[in-house]
Protein backbone atom coordinates (compact mmCIF):
# COMPACT_ATOMS: atom_id res chain seq x y z
CA MET A 1 -0.01 -0.01 0.00
CA SER A 2 1.33 3.47 -0.89
CA LYS A 3 1.78 6.10 1.77
CA GLY A 4 -1.04 8.18 0.25
CA SER A 5 -3.43 5.20 0.27
CA PHE A 6 -2.42 4.48 3.86
CA PHE A 7 -3.40 7.99 4.97
CA VAL A 8 -6.79 7.68 3.14
CA ALA A 9 -7.39 4.45 5.03
CA ILE A 10 -6.61 6.21 8.31
CA ALA A 11 -9.11 8.98 7.51
CA ALA A 12 -11.79 6.38 6.77
CA LEU A 13 -11.10 4.56 10.03
CA LEU A 14 -11.37 7.83 11.94
CA MET A 15 -14.77 8.51 10.35
CA LEU A 16 -15.95 5.15 11.46
CA GLY A 17 -14.64 5.70 14.96
CA SER A 18 -16.47 9.00 15.28
CA CYS A 19 -19.80 7.16 15.22
CA LYS A 20 -19.14 5.46 18.58
CA ASP A 21 -20.34 7.00 21.79
CA THR A 22 -18.33 5.83 24.75
CA TRP A 23 -14.96 7.29 25.69
CA ASP A 24 -13.15 3.96 25.34
CA GLU A 25 -14.58 3.38 21.88
CA TYR A 26 -13.87 6.96 20.91
CA VAL A 27 -10.17 7.04 21.64
CA GLU A 28 -9.47 3.52 20.38
CA VAL A 29 -10.15 4.33 16.78
CA SER A 30 -8.11 1.40 15.48
CA ASP A 31 -4.93 -0.39 16.28
CA GLN A 32 -3.44 1.14 13.15
CA VAL A 33 -4.11 4.69 14.21
CA ASN A 34 -3.20 4.14 17.83
CA GLN A 35 0.26 2.99 16.77
CA LEU A 36 1.02 6.17 14.79
CA SER A 37 3.32 8.79 16.32
CA LEU A 38 2.05 12.31 16.76
CA THR A 39 4.17 13.44 13.82
CA ASP A 40 2.89 10.75 11.42
CA TYR A 41 -0.73 11.40 12.37
CA ILE A 42 -0.52 15.21 12.00
CA ALA A 43 1.28 14.82 8.67
CA SER A 44 -1.56 12.56 7.44
CA GLN A 45 -4.25 15.18 8.02
CA SER A 46 -4.60 17.68 5.18
CA ASP A 47 -6.56 20.11 7.41
CA TYR A 48 -3.49 20.43 9.68
CA SER A 49 -0.96 20.95 6.92
CA GLN A 50 -0.11 24.59 7.75
CA PHE A 51 0.60 23.79 11.38
CA TYR A 52 2.53 20.69 10.29
CA ASP A 53 4.73 22.83 7.98
CA ILE A 54 5.72 24.93 11.03
CA LEU A 55 6.48 21.78 13.04
CA LYS A 56 8.66 20.47 10.26
CA SER A 57 10.53 23.75 9.50
CA THR A 58 11.33 24.28 13.18
CA SER A 59 12.42 20.62 13.83
CA VAL A 60 9.63 20.25 16.38
CA ALA A 61 8.12 17.48 14.23
CA GLN A 62 11.18 15.35 14.98
CA MET A 63 10.60 15.81 18.73
CA LEU A 64 7.00 14.59 18.34
CA ASP A 65 8.22 11.43 16.56
CA SER A 66 9.95 10.16 19.68
CA SER A 67 8.76 7.81 22.50
CA THR A 68 8.17 10.78 24.80
CA VAL A 69 4.50 11.45 25.55
CA TYR A 70 2.99 14.83 24.55
CA THR A 71 -0.33 16.48 24.01
CA VAL A 72 -0.64 18.76 20.94
CA TRP A 73 -3.35 21.41 20.49
CA ILE A 74 -3.63 21.85 16.73
CA PRO A 75 -5.23 24.80 14.91
CA THR A 76 -6.81 23.82 11.57
CA ASN A 77 -5.78 25.51 8.34
CA GLU A 78 -8.83 27.74 8.62
CA ALA A 79 -7.84 28.71 12.18
CA MET A 80 -4.29 29.44 11.05
CA GLN A 81 -5.60 32.34 8.97
CA LEU A 82 -5.92 34.21 12.28
CA LEU A 83 -2.16 33.94 12.91
CA ASP A 84 -0.15 37.18 12.72
CA GLU A 85 2.20 37.02 9.73
CA SER A 86 5.03 38.41 11.86
CA VAL A 87 5.19 35.02 13.57
CA LEU A 88 5.70 33.19 10.29
CA ASN A 89 8.40 35.64 9.20
CA ASN A 90 10.53 35.15 12.31
CA GLU A 91 12.21 31.82 12.89
CA VAL A 92 12.50 32.26 16.62
CA LYS A 93 8.82 33.29 17.00
CA LYS A 94 7.78 30.47 14.72
CA ARG A 95 9.47 27.82 16.91
CA GLN A 96 8.05 29.44 20.03
CA PHE A 97 4.58 29.36 18.42
CA ALA A 98 4.91 25.63 17.73
CA LEU A 99 6.04 24.86 21.28
CA ASN A 100 3.22 27.10 22.56
CA HIS A 101 0.80 24.34 21.41
CA ILE A 102 2.58 21.37 22.94
CA ALA A 103 2.68 20.11 26.55
CA PHE A 104 4.55 17.19 28.00
CA GLY A 105 2.21 14.48 29.26
CA LEU A 106 -1.34 13.31 28.51
CA PHE A 107 -4.28 15.74 28.61
CA SER A 108 -7.76 14.94 27.45
CA SER A 109 -10.72 17.27 27.13
CA ARG A 110 -13.06 14.24 27.44
CA SER A 111 -11.62 12.47 30.44
CA GLY A 112 -13.48 14.38 33.14
CA ALA A 113 -10.21 15.70 34.65
CA ALA A 114 -10.36 18.79 36.84
CA ASP A 115 -9.46 22.20 35.48
CA ASP A 116 -5.81 22.97 35.99
CA SER A 117 -2.79 24.84 34.67
CA VAL A 118 -0.69 23.29 31.92
CA TYR A 119 2.94 24.10 31.16
CA MET A 120 3.67 24.29 27.42
CA MET A 121 7.04 23.29 25.98
CA ASN A 122 8.08 26.96 25.57
CA GLY A 123 7.69 27.50 29.35
CA LYS A 124 4.31 29.28 29.14
CA LYS A 125 1.57 28.26 31.51
CA PHE A 126 -2.06 28.21 30.38
CA TYR A 127 -5.27 27.54 32.20
CA TYR A 128 -6.71 24.32 30.87
CA GLN A 129 -10.48 23.76 31.39
CA PRO A 130 -11.63 20.35 30.23
CA SER A 131 -14.97 21.05 31.87
CA LYS A 132 -15.57 23.85 29.40
CA ALA A 133 -13.40 22.55 26.54
CA LEU A 134 -11.13 25.56 26.75
CA ILE A 135 -7.35 26.19 26.88
CA ASP A 136 -6.31 29.76 27.56
CA GLY A 137 -9.86 30.78 26.59
CA VAL A 138 -9.58 29.06 23.17
CA SER A 139 -12.29 26.54 22.30
CA ILE A 140 -11.35 22.84 21.89
CA GLN A 141 -13.24 20.70 19.35
CA THR A 142 -13.64 17.66 21.58
CA THR A 143 -15.07 15.41 18.87
CA LYS A 144 -11.73 15.60 16.95
CA GLU A 145 -9.58 14.46 19.84
CA VAL A 146 -7.42 11.42 18.98
CA LYS A 147 -5.27 9.16 21.14
CA LEU A 148 -2.02 8.08 19.52
CA LYS A 149 1.08 5.99 20.27
CA ASN A 150 2.86 8.77 22.09
CA GLY A 151 0.16 11.23 23.10
CA PHE A 152 -3.07 13.04 22.34
CA VAL A 153 -4.06 15.43 19.59
CA GLN A 154 -6.69 18.05 20.36
CA VAL A 155 -8.01 20.57 17.81
CA VAL A 156 -8.51 24.21 18.71
CA SER A 157 -10.66 26.82 17.04
CA SER A 158 -7.87 29.42 16.82
CA PRO A 159 -4.12 29.56 17.40
CA ILE A 160 -3.14 29.88 21.06
CA ALA A 161 -1.66 33.37 21.28
CA LEU A 162 2.07 33.62 21.82
CA ARG A 163 2.08 36.00 24.78
CA ASN A 164 4.80 37.74 26.66
CA THR A 165 4.93 37.72 30.44
CA ILE A 166 3.95 40.98 32.11
CA TRP A 167 7.65 41.80 32.63
CA ASP A 168 8.52 41.08 28.98
CA TRP A 169 5.76 43.51 28.06
CA VAL A 170 7.12 46.14 30.48
CA MET A 171 10.57 45.89 29.00
CA THR A 172 9.66 45.75 25.33
CA ASP A 173 6.14 46.79 24.39
CA ALA A 174 4.76 48.99 27.18
CA PRO A 175 4.23 52.72 26.60
CA ASP A 176 7.07 54.94 27.82
CA ASN A 177 5.23 56.65 30.69
CA LYS A 178 6.77 57.65 33.98
CA PHE A 179 5.92 54.45 35.84
CA ILE A 180 7.24 52.13 33.10
CA THR A 181 10.41 54.22 32.71
CA TYR A 182 10.93 53.98 36.49
CA LEU A 183 10.59 50.17 36.50
CA ARG A 184 13.12 49.87 33.68
CA SER A 185 15.57 52.09 35.59
CA LEU A 186 15.72 49.61 38.46
CA ASP A 187 17.93 47.20 36.47
CA PHE A 188 21.39 46.61 37.92
CA VAL A 189 24.36 44.36 37.16
CA TYR A 190 24.75 41.47 39.63
CA PHE A 191 28.08 39.75 40.09
CA ASP A 192 27.56 36.05 40.82
CA ALA A 193 30.56 35.23 43.05
CA GLU A 194 29.65 31.53 43.39
CA ALA A 195 29.29 30.97 39.62
CA SER A 196 32.50 32.95 39.01
CA GLY A 197 34.55 30.38 40.92
CA TYR A 198 36.34 31.73 43.99
CA LEU A 199 40.11 30.85 43.89
CA GLY A 200 41.48 32.69 46.89
CA THR A 201 42.88 36.19 47.58
CA ASP A 202 45.69 38.29 46.23
CA ASP A 203 48.52 39.97 48.19
CA GLN A 204 46.18 42.76 49.23
CA GLY A 205 43.51 40.37 50.47
CA LYS A 206 41.15 40.97 47.58
CA PRO A 207 39.24 37.93 46.26
CA ILE A 208 40.39 36.22 42.99
CA TYR A 209 37.86 34.50 40.72
CA ARG A 210 38.32 32.06 37.85
CA ASP A 211 35.76 33.95 35.78
CA SER A 212 33.46 36.97 36.04
CA VAL A 213 29.79 35.89 35.77
CA VAL A 214 27.42 38.84 35.75
CA TYR A 215 23.81 39.25 34.78
CA ILE A 216 21.08 41.86 34.91
CA GLN A 217 18.64 41.86 37.82
CA ASN A 218 15.84 44.23 38.65
CA GLN A 219 15.02 45.61 42.10
CA PHE A 220 11.28 45.47 41.52
CA LEU A 221 11.39 41.79 40.60
CA LEU A 222 13.50 40.95 43.65
CA GLU A 223 11.68 43.09 46.27
CA VAL A 224 8.12 43.22 45.06
CA ALA A 225 6.97 40.50 42.63
CA ASP A 226 8.63 38.42 39.95
CA LEU A 227 6.49 39.51 37.01
CA GLN A 228 8.56 37.41 34.60
CA SER A 229 7.64 34.16 36.34
CA GLU A 230 5.23 31.75 34.71
CA ASP A 231 4.65 30.03 38.08
CA SER A 232 2.39 32.82 39.40
CA LEU A 233 -0.54 34.86 38.11
CA PHE A 234 -0.76 38.61 38.53
CA THR A 235 -2.92 41.64 37.94
CA PHE A 236 -0.79 44.68 37.30
CA LEU A 237 -1.84 48.31 37.22
CA VAL A 238 0.15 50.94 35.32
CA PRO A 239 -0.78 54.37 36.68
CA SER A 240 -0.74 57.44 34.49
CA ASP A 241 1.98 60.01 34.98
CA ASP A 242 -0.38 62.22 37.05
CA VAL A 243 -1.44 59.33 39.29
CA PHE A 244 2.10 58.10 39.85
CA GLN A 245 3.40 61.61 40.71
CA SER A 246 0.46 62.38 42.95
CA HIS A 247 1.19 59.31 45.03
CA PHE A 248 4.82 60.37 45.44
CA ASP A 249 3.66 63.78 46.64
CA GLN A 250 1.12 62.20 48.95
CA PHE A 251 3.48 59.74 50.63
CA GLU A 252 6.85 61.46 50.46
CA ARG A 253 6.87 62.39 54.18
CA TYR A 254 6.25 58.77 55.24
CA PHE A 255 9.20 57.00 53.55
CA ARG A 256 12.27 59.02 54.50
CA LEU A 257 15.67 57.40 55.10
CA ASP A 258 17.19 60.72 56.14
CA ASP A 259 15.85 62.96 58.90
CA ARG A 260 12.78 64.69 57.47
CA GLU A 261 13.11 67.56 59.93
CA SER A 262 16.58 68.38 58.58
CA ASN A 263 15.60 67.69 54.96
CA VAL A 264 12.30 69.32 54.01
CA ILE A 265 12.91 68.32 50.38
CA PRO A 266 13.59 64.56 50.04
CA THR A 267 17.19 63.61 49.52
CA SER A 268 18.17 61.33 46.63
CA ARG A 269 18.14 58.37 49.11
CA ASP A 270 14.69 59.43 50.24
CA SER A 271 13.35 59.72 46.70
CA ALA A 272 14.51 56.20 45.78
CA GLN A 273 12.79 54.84 48.88
CA ILE A 274 9.61 56.78 48.24
CA TRP A 275 9.31 55.72 44.59
CA ILE A 276 9.73 51.98 45.34
CA ASN A 277 7.19 52.21 48.19
CA VAL A 278 4.68 53.88 45.86
CA ALA A 279 5.33 51.44 42.97
CA LYS A 280 5.09 48.23 45.01
CA ASP A 281 1.35 48.47 45.58
CA PHE A 282 0.30 48.32 41.94
CA VAL A 283 0.78 44.52 41.61
CA PHE A 284 -1.66 41.93 42.91
CA SER A 285 -1.88 38.19 43.22
CA GLY A 286 -4.30 36.51 40.86
CA SER A 287 -5.30 37.04 37.25
CA TYR A 288 -8.46 39.10 36.72
CA ASP A 289 -9.96 39.88 33.33
CA LEU A 290 -11.66 43.27 33.12
CA SER A 291 -15.14 42.00 33.99
CA SER A 292 -13.96 40.26 37.16
CA VAL A 293 -11.60 42.78 38.74
CA PRO A 294 -12.95 43.62 42.21
CA ASP A 295 -13.60 47.25 43.10
CA THR A 296 -10.89 46.98 45.75
CA LEU A 297 -7.67 45.04 45.21
CA ILE A 298 -5.34 43.98 47.98
CA SER A 299 -1.64 44.38 47.20
CA TYR A 300 1.16 41.95 48.15
CA PHE A 301 1.79 44.26 51.13
CA ASN A 302 -1.83 44.17 52.33
CA ILE A 303 -2.71 47.62 50.99
CA LYS A 304 -6.21 48.39 49.75
CA VAL A 305 -6.09 49.78 46.22
CA PRO A 306 -9.24 50.99 44.46
CA PHE A 307 -9.91 49.84 40.90
CA VAL A 308 -11.88 52.27 38.79
CA ARG A 309 -12.99 50.25 35.80
CA SER A 310 -13.97 53.36 33.81
CA SER A 311 -10.42 54.69 34.14
CA VAL A 312 -8.83 51.84 32.15
CA THR A 313 -7.31 53.34 29.05
CA GLN A 314 -5.51 50.24 27.74
CA SER A 315 -5.17 46.57 28.66
CA PHE A 316 -2.84 43.72 27.90
CA LYS A 317 -3.31 39.97 28.42
CA ALA A 318 -0.01 38.32 29.31
CA SER A 319 0.90 34.70 29.71
CA ASN A 320 0.94 35.25 33.48
CA GLY A 321 -1.89 37.67 34.02
CA TYR A 322 -3.46 41.00 33.01
CA THR A 323 -2.16 44.53 32.84
CA TYR A 324 -4.36 47.66 32.93
CA LEU A 325 -3.28 51.25 32.30
CA VAL A 326 -5.36 53.46 34.54
CA SER A 327 -5.89 57.18 34.76
CA ASP A 328 -7.56 57.15 38.20
CA CYS A 329 -6.37 55.27 41.29
CA HIS A 330 -6.19 57.05 44.62
CA ILE A 331 -4.81 55.05 47.59
CA LYS A 332 -5.89 56.54 50.92
CA SER A 333 -3.16 57.38 53.44
CA GLU A 334 -4.91 55.36 56.12
CA HIS A 335 -4.85 52.33 53.81
CA LYS A 336 -1.15 52.75 53.05
CA ILE A 337 0.33 53.62 56.42
CA LEU A 338 -0.94 50.81 58.61
CA PRO A 339 -0.79 50.06 62.39
CA VAL A 340 2.18 47.88 63.41
CA LEU A 341 1.74 44.94 65.82
CA VAL A 342 4.76 43.89 67.88
CA ASP A 343 3.93 40.49 69.35
CA ALA A 344 6.24 39.99 72.34
CA GLU A 345 6.32 36.22 71.85
CA GLN A 346 7.64 36.66 68.30
CA SER A 347 9.68 39.84 68.83
CA VAL A 348 11.76 39.39 72.00
CA VAL A 349 15.44 39.38 70.99
CA ILE A 350 19.06 38.88 72.12
CA PHE A 351 22.11 40.58 70.54
CA THR A 352 25.03 38.36 69.63
CA GLY A 353 27.65 40.92 68.55
CA THR A 354 27.51 40.19 64.82
CA SER A 355 25.71 41.72 61.88
CA SER A 356 23.14 38.92 62.24
CA PHE A 357 22.43 40.14 65.70
CA TYR A 358 19.04 38.95 66.61
CA LYS A 359 17.21 35.71 67.27
CA PRO A 360 14.18 34.80 69.36
CA TYR A 361 15.28 35.34 72.96
CA PHE A 362 15.93 38.29 75.26
CA TYR A 363 18.45 40.97 76.19
CA ARG A 364 20.63 40.44 79.26
CA THR A 365 23.74 42.23 80.57
CA GLY A 366 24.78 40.57 83.82
CA GLY A 367 23.66 41.46 87.37
CA GLY A 368 22.30 38.00 87.99
CA SER A 369 20.60 35.29 85.99
CA ASP A 370 17.36 36.48 84.39
CA GLY A 371 14.45 34.18 83.66
CA LEU A 372 12.39 34.40 80.49
CA TYR A 373 8.89 32.90 80.57
CA PHE A 374 6.42 32.32 77.79
CA ARG A 375 3.30 32.43 79.91
CA GLU A 376 0.19 30.63 78.60
CA LYS A 377 -2.82 32.84 79.32
CA GLU A 378 -6.40 32.81 78.15
CA ASN A 379 -7.06 35.52 75.54
CA ALA A 380 -3.36 36.43 75.18
CA LEU A 381 -2.30 37.06 71.60
CA ASN A 382 -1.54 33.61 70.15
CA GLY A 383 -2.15 32.18 73.59
CA PHE A 384 1.05 33.45 75.29
CA ASP A 385 2.55 36.58 76.73
CA VAL A 386 6.13 37.10 77.87
CA ILE A 387 7.63 37.63 81.31
CA LEU A 388 11.28 38.47 82.00
CA ASP A 389 11.86 37.89 85.75
CA ASN A 390 14.81 38.97 87.85
CA GLN A 391 16.58 36.18 89.69
CA SER A 392 18.88 38.64 91.42
CA SER A 393 17.94 40.06 94.84
CA SER A 394 19.81 43.33 94.28
CA GLY A 395 20.38 44.11 90.59
CA ILE A 396 17.79 45.80 88.37
CA LEU A 397 17.02 44.19 85.09
CA GLU A 398 18.61 45.86 82.04
CA GLY A 399 15.30 45.09 80.42
CA MET A 400 13.55 43.09 77.75
CA VAL A 401 13.99 44.24 74.14
CA LEU A 402 11.32 43.84 71.52
CA MET A 403 12.15 44.19 67.81
CA GLY A 404 9.36 45.32 65.54
CA PRO A 405 9.36 45.74 61.77
CA LEU A 406 10.65 48.64 59.71
CA VAL A 407 8.30 51.57 60.44
CA SER A 408 7.44 54.63 58.38
CA SER A 409 8.80 58.08 59.10
CA VAL A 410 5.71 59.20 60.97
CA LYS A 411 4.45 59.68 64.48
CA TYR A 412 3.03 56.54 66.10
CA ARG A 413 0.89 56.23 69.18
CA VAL A 414 2.21 53.33 71.28
CA LYS A 415 -0.32 51.06 72.91
CA MET A 416 0.58 48.27 75.33
CA ARG A 417 -1.28 45.19 76.46
CA ALA A 418 -0.03 43.49 79.69
CA PHE A 419 -1.24 42.26 83.01
CA THR A 420 0.25 40.78 86.18
CA ASP A 421 -1.19 38.15 88.45
CA PHE A 422 2.13 37.79 90.36
CA ASN A 423 2.41 41.28 91.88
CA ALA A 424 5.95 42.54 91.11
CA SER A 425 7.80 39.30 90.44
CA PRO A 426 7.16 35.54 90.25
CA LYS A 427 10.50 34.95 91.93
CA TRP A 428 10.00 37.53 94.72
CA PRO A 429 6.29 37.50 95.57
CA ASP A 430 5.32 40.49 97.69
CA THR A 431 1.70 41.63 97.85
CA THR A 432 2.70 45.11 99.00
CA ARG A 433 4.60 45.99 95.80
CA VAL A 434 3.17 47.13 92.48
CA LEU A 435 4.78 46.16 89.21
CA ARG A 436 5.77 49.24 87.28
CA GLN A 437 7.68 49.28 84.02
CA TYR A 438 9.11 51.84 81.65
CA ILE A 439 8.75 51.35 77.87
CA ALA A 440 10.69 53.44 75.42
CA PRO A 441 12.00 53.25 71.85
CA VAL A 442 15.73 52.52 71.66
CA THR A 443 18.20 52.73 68.82
CA VAL A 444 20.52 49.86 67.78
CA LEU A 445 24.14 51.00 67.77
CA ARG A 446 26.55 49.47 65.25
CA ASP A 447 30.21 49.72 64.36
CA LYS A 448 30.48 52.07 61.38
CA THR A 449 32.90 49.77 59.56
CA THR A 450 31.79 46.23 60.39
CA ARG A 451 28.13 47.06 61.08
CA ASP A 452 28.33 44.73 64.05
CA PHE A 453 26.09 45.33 67.02
CA THR A 454 27.81 47.40 69.74
CA GLY A 455 24.93 48.28 72.06
CA LEU A 456 21.65 50.02 72.55
CA SER A 457 20.95 53.65 73.15
CA PRO A 458 19.66 54.58 76.66
CA ASN A 459 15.92 54.84 77.23
CA ASN A 460 16.07 58.55 76.46
CA ASN A 461 13.79 58.46 73.38
CA LYS A 462 10.84 59.11 75.68
CA LEU A 463 7.25 58.79 74.64
CA ARG A 464 5.18 61.98 74.85
CA SER A 465 1.84 62.07 76.62
CA THR A 466 0.99 65.67 75.69
CA GLY A 467 1.24 67.83 72.60
CA GLY A 468 -1.76 66.72 70.66
CA PHE A 469 -1.93 63.82 68.19
CA GLY A 470 -4.35 61.91 70.45
CA THR A 471 -4.86 61.31 74.14
CA ALA A 472 -2.66 59.16 76.32
CA ASP A 473 -3.89 57.11 79.31
CA VAL A 474 -0.85 58.30 81.30
CA VAL A 475 0.74 61.63 82.15
CA TYR A 476 4.52 62.01 82.14
CA ASP A 477 6.42 64.59 84.14
CA THR A 478 9.67 65.34 82.37
CA SER A 479 11.25 66.45 85.65
CA ASP A 480 10.34 63.12 87.37
CA GLU A 481 11.92 60.04 85.77
CA THR A 482 9.74 57.69 87.82
CA SER A 483 6.60 59.02 86.15
CA TYR A 484 7.60 57.02 83.07
CA TYR A 485 7.26 53.75 84.98
CA ILE A 486 3.67 52.71 84.36
CA PRO A 487 1.70 50.45 86.76
CA VAL A 488 0.79 47.18 85.08
CA SER A 489 -2.86 46.18 85.11
CA THR A 490 -3.97 43.34 87.38
CA GLU A 491 -7.09 42.67 85.28
CA PRO A 492 -6.91 39.44 83.17
CA TYR A 493 -7.03 39.71 79.43
CA SER A 494 -10.48 40.17 77.98
CA GLU A 495 -11.86 38.75 74.74
CA ASN A 496 -11.44 42.06 72.96
CA PRO A 497 -7.69 42.95 73.05
CA LEU A 498 -8.31 46.65 72.29
CA ASP A 499 -10.19 46.95 75.59
CA ASP A 500 -7.01 45.98 77.49
CA GLU A 501 -4.63 48.41 75.77
CA ILE A 502 -3.02 51.37 77.58
CA ASP A 503 -2.16 54.34 75.39
CA LEU A 504 1.36 55.24 76.40
CA GLY A 505 1.65 58.37 74.23
CA TYR A 506 3.38 58.88 70.87
CA TYR A 507 6.86 58.78 69.39
CA ASP A 508 7.99 60.67 66.29
CA TYR A 509 10.01 58.53 63.90
CA ARG A 510 11.74 61.17 61.75
CA TYR A 511 13.17 58.55 59.41
CA MET A 512 12.42 54.88 58.66
CA GLU A 513 13.96 52.45 61.11
CA TYR A 514 13.28 49.14 62.83
CA ALA A 515 11.07 49.67 65.87
CA PHE A 516 13.09 48.53 68.94
CA PHE A 517 11.56 48.95 72.41
CA ARG A 518 13.13 48.24 75.78
CA ILE A 519 11.02 47.48 78.82
CA ILE A 520 12.64 48.17 82.20
CA PRO A 521 11.24 47.55 85.72
CA LEU A 522 11.33 50.25 88.38
CA GLU A 523 13.25 48.33 91.07
CA ALA A 524 15.21 45.24 91.97
CA LYS A 525 13.19 42.08 92.58
CA MET A 526 10.83 43.25 89.84
CA ALA A 527 9.96 41.60 86.53
CA VAL A 528 8.61 42.98 83.25
CA VAL A 529 5.66 41.57 81.33
CA VAL A 530 4.02 42.27 77.97
CA ASP A 531 1.63 40.60 75.51
CA TYR A 532 2.09 43.04 72.64
CA LEU A 533 2.73 46.61 71.62
CA ARG A 534 0.63 48.19 68.90
CA LEU A 535 1.85 51.26 66.99
CA VAL A 536 -0.92 53.34 65.49
CA PRO A 537 0.21 55.95 62.90
CA VAL A 538 -0.74 59.59 63.31
CA LEU A 539 -1.55 60.91 59.84
CA GLU A 540 -1.20 64.65 59.78
């Protein structure tokens, strides 16, 4: 039998097979067809000739003639008329287009499998919906599905678009507005010391490498979201120039690295910090088409961002999500500058004298052996609060240190939740004494050269109980140091934590820094105790 006659016979057998109803009968068209490779079968079908020509010219057909199992989604010749000619005129794009329709493994639109994502051979990931006979939104003609020796063939109603990732679009096709230009400016050259092969040092102590391996990285991809990844789905907003600039102006006072009192106009360091903090809240987890975008999106940093559908001026569907250019998007200050929770159980620290200076424990500087307790208490945050007791009969505790996150350059009201059921100390019970403790922000001191920890500043960064910006539950007398030692409540924690908080006043962070607090008892034979601190921003 000639090859042409053989292909005619195959077509006839397929027509006979299409009359059967059950899945098993459907896919088992004939032993002859089942034993064909994907390449031989596609070549035998005249209606797939244009797609087959691409497979052959890009050497992908040879790959499909192997023993490896694949699924191929084939556009018919009629569907291929929808393909952009620029793909056919570019050998790289043409190969990518072919691989864009092939996945490793077996996928069937008729098997009843659950909807899931499918990785194509070019690295792109598409949403595959057998339940709706769709792949990346393209219809699948389920009646034309065929099972072959090394895989499945499915027929699609149009070519599956060869899409860039969101980041590819940003770098190559996006309009040159202020936001896009800013993102592109965050590229930097990274030297990969490990890949370069460390050989030792020279006479001056400088490292010597076998090679110099460098590549381009981008700050936004590293610190915010990897928009070039096919493993995640995103929705990405590109604000207009006016929107982007207005957010810089709105938030410039809150993201200072240099003292904002000494620098009314942001320094260059400040500006870099402000821009990245503005930009980072325009990317969101999940892929939303225009009809399904919620009115309020939540950024990767838990910021509420409004989505005004009528303000969309342009959109782009990427392989890993959607991008929308918007002319209206106003983030409220109270949604951007959020309260900060410092959970004592998670934040108590010890300093080790190196640049990696903290780990879960507590601060201690001699004067006896101190005892740290994680006390299980009903209604405490996460079930536990923290006690640092003094085992010494004479020395006063240097104090417990809590390390909070990096805070904004803004005033914060400091609220404390704590209670004692042990009077002044578990070790030294005395019903006549009242536990009083002094809480104040402290600054970490480092060696200017090595950046190693060298100590903590004294508790002289006092909280303020007067001067506006809210009302404190205490009154401090600047001429009386003991007025800063606050009596600790003896009332057990209630079900509503906010009801137990004491407002200790406010502290003005004039530049961004990590929020360290030290808690000191008034006297010897006295412990300190805390469940959490909560820092509430004062937005002027």
